[in-house]
């Protein structure tokens, strides 16, 4: 069950980053948080 949630979260983040790229803006706070927590999520 946890894997499904993680995949959905990862997909949502990817779409969010894509959306920001198209707008030409960045969300550095979110990006830092994302890249900091992603390894922890992936290793479970």
N, C-alpha and C. Protein backbone atom coordinates (compact mmCIF):
# COMPACT_ATOMS: atom_id res chain seq x y z
N UNK A 1 0.84 -1.21 0.00
CA UNK A 1 0.00 0.00 0.00
C UNK A 1 0.87 1.26 0.00
N UNK A 2 1.93 1.22 0.80
CA UNK A 2 2.82 2.38 0.90
C UNK A 2 3.46 2.69 -0.46
N UNK A 3 3.82 1.64 -1.20
CA UNK A 3 4.43 1.82 -2.52
C UNK A 3 3.51 2.60 -3.46
N UNK A 4 2.23 2.27 -3.43
CA UNK A 4 1.25 2.94 -4.29
C UNK A 4 1.21 4.43 -3.95
N UNK A 5 1.17 4.75 -2.68
CA UNK A 5 1.16 6.15 -2.24
C UNK A 5 2.41 6.87 -2.71
N UNK A 6 3.56 6.23 -2.56
CA UNK A 6 4.82 6.84 -2.96
C UNK A 6 4.85 7.12 -4.45
N UNK A 7 4.36 6.16 -5.24
CA UNK A 7 4.34 6.36 -6.70
C UNK A 7 3.43 7.52 -7.06
N UNK A 8 2.30 7.61 -6.42
CA UNK A 8 1.36 8.70 -6.68
C UNK A 8 1.99 10.03 -6.29
N UNK A 9 2.65 10.05 -5.14
CA UNK A 9 3.32 11.26 -4.68
C UNK A 9 4.40 11.67 -5.67
N UNK A 10 5.20 10.71 -6.09
CA UNK A 10 6.28 10.98 -7.03
C UNK A 10 5.74 11.52 -8.35
N UNK A 11 4.66 10.93 -8.84
CA UNK A 11 4.03 11.37 -10.08
C UNK A 11 3.51 12.80 -9.93
N UNK A 12 2.88 13.09 -8.80
CA UNK A 12 2.36 14.44 -8.55
C UNK A 12 3.49 15.45 -8.52
N UNK A 13 4.60 15.11 -7.89
CA UNK A 13 5.75 16.02 -7.82
C UNK A 13 6.32 16.27 -9.20
N UNK A 14 6.42 15.21 -9.99
CA UNK A 14 6.94 15.34 -11.34
C UNK A 14 6.06 16.29 -12.15
N UNK A 15 4.76 16.12 -12.03
CA UNK A 15 3.82 17.00 -12.74
C UNK A 15 3.94 18.43 -12.25
N UNK A 16 4.13 18.60 -10.96
CA UNK A 16 4.28 19.94 -10.38
C UNK A 16 5.54 20.62 -10.93
N UNK A 17 6.66 19.89 -10.95
CA UNK A 17 7.90 20.46 -11.49
C UNK A 17 7.74 20.82 -12.97
N UNK A 18 7.06 19.96 -13.70
CA UNK A 18 6.81 20.21 -15.13
C UNK A 18 5.98 21.48 -15.30
N UNK A 19 4.96 21.63 -14.48
CA UNK A 19 4.11 22.82 -14.49
C UNK A 19 4.93 24.08 -14.22
N UNK A 20 5.80 24.02 -13.23
CA UNK A 20 6.65 25.17 -12.92
C UNK A 20 7.59 25.50 -14.07
N UNK A 21 8.17 24.46 -14.68
CA UNK A 21 9.08 24.68 -15.82
C UNK A 21 8.37 25.39 -16.95
N UNK A 22 7.15 24.98 -17.24
CA UNK A 22 6.38 25.60 -18.32
C UNK A 22 6.10 27.06 -18.01
N UNK A 23 5.87 27.36 -16.73
CA UNK A 23 5.63 28.75 -16.32
C UNK A 23 6.92 29.54 -16.25
N UNK A 24 8.05 28.83 -16.19
CA UNK A 24 9.34 29.50 -16.09
C UNK A 24 9.67 29.95 -14.68
N UNK A 25 9.07 29.31 -13.70
CA UNK A 25 9.35 29.65 -12.30
C UNK A 25 9.87 28.42 -11.57
N UNK A 26 10.42 28.65 -10.39
CA UNK A 26 10.92 27.56 -9.57
C UNK A 26 10.36 27.71 -8.16
N UNK A 27 10.19 26.57 -7.50
CA UNK A 27 9.77 26.55 -6.10
C UNK A 27 10.91 25.91 -5.33
N UNK A 28 11.91 26.74 -5.00
CA UNK A 28 13.14 26.20 -4.41
C UNK A 28 12.91 25.56 -3.05
N UNK A 29 12.03 26.12 -2.26
CA UNK A 29 11.74 25.54 -0.94
C UNK A 29 11.18 24.13 -1.09
N UNK A 30 10.22 23.99 -1.99
CA UNK A 30 9.63 22.68 -2.20
C UNK A 30 10.65 21.72 -2.79
N UNK A 31 11.44 22.21 -3.74
CA UNK A 31 12.44 21.37 -4.39
C UNK A 31 13.47 20.84 -3.39
N UNK A 32 13.94 21.71 -2.52
CA UNK A 32 14.89 21.29 -1.49
C UNK A 32 14.28 20.20 -0.61
N UNK A 33 13.06 20.44 -0.20
CA UNK A 33 12.35 19.49 0.66
C UNK A 33 12.17 18.16 -0.07
N UNK A 34 11.79 18.26 -1.32
CA UNK A 34 11.53 17.07 -2.14
C UNK A 34 12.80 16.23 -2.28
N UNK A 35 13.89 16.86 -2.67
CA UNK A 35 15.13 16.11 -2.89
C UNK A 35 15.75 15.62 -1.59
N UNK A 36 15.43 16.29 -0.50
CA UNK A 36 15.92 15.84 0.80
C UNK A 36 15.16 14.60 1.28
N UNK A 37 13.84 14.57 1.05
CA UNK A 37 13.03 13.46 1.55
C UNK A 37 12.91 12.30 0.57
N UNK A 38 13.11 12.55 -0.72
CA UNK A 38 12.90 11.50 -1.72
C UNK A 38 13.75 10.24 -1.46
N UNK A 39 15.05 10.36 -1.14
CA UNK A 39 15.82 9.14 -0.88
C UNK A 39 15.25 8.33 0.29
N UNK A 40 14.79 9.00 1.30
CA UNK A 40 14.20 8.33 2.46
C UNK A 40 12.94 7.57 2.06
N UNK A 41 12.13 8.17 1.24
CA UNK A 41 10.89 7.53 0.79
C UNK A 41 11.21 6.33 -0.10
N UNK A 42 12.17 6.48 -1.00
CA UNK A 42 12.48 5.44 -1.98
C UNK A 42 13.08 4.19 -1.34
N UNK A 43 13.76 4.34 -0.23
CA UNK A 43 14.47 3.21 0.36
C UNK A 43 13.59 2.27 1.17
N UNK A 44 12.35 2.61 1.36
CA UNK A 44 11.49 1.75 2.17
C UNK A 44 10.98 0.55 1.41
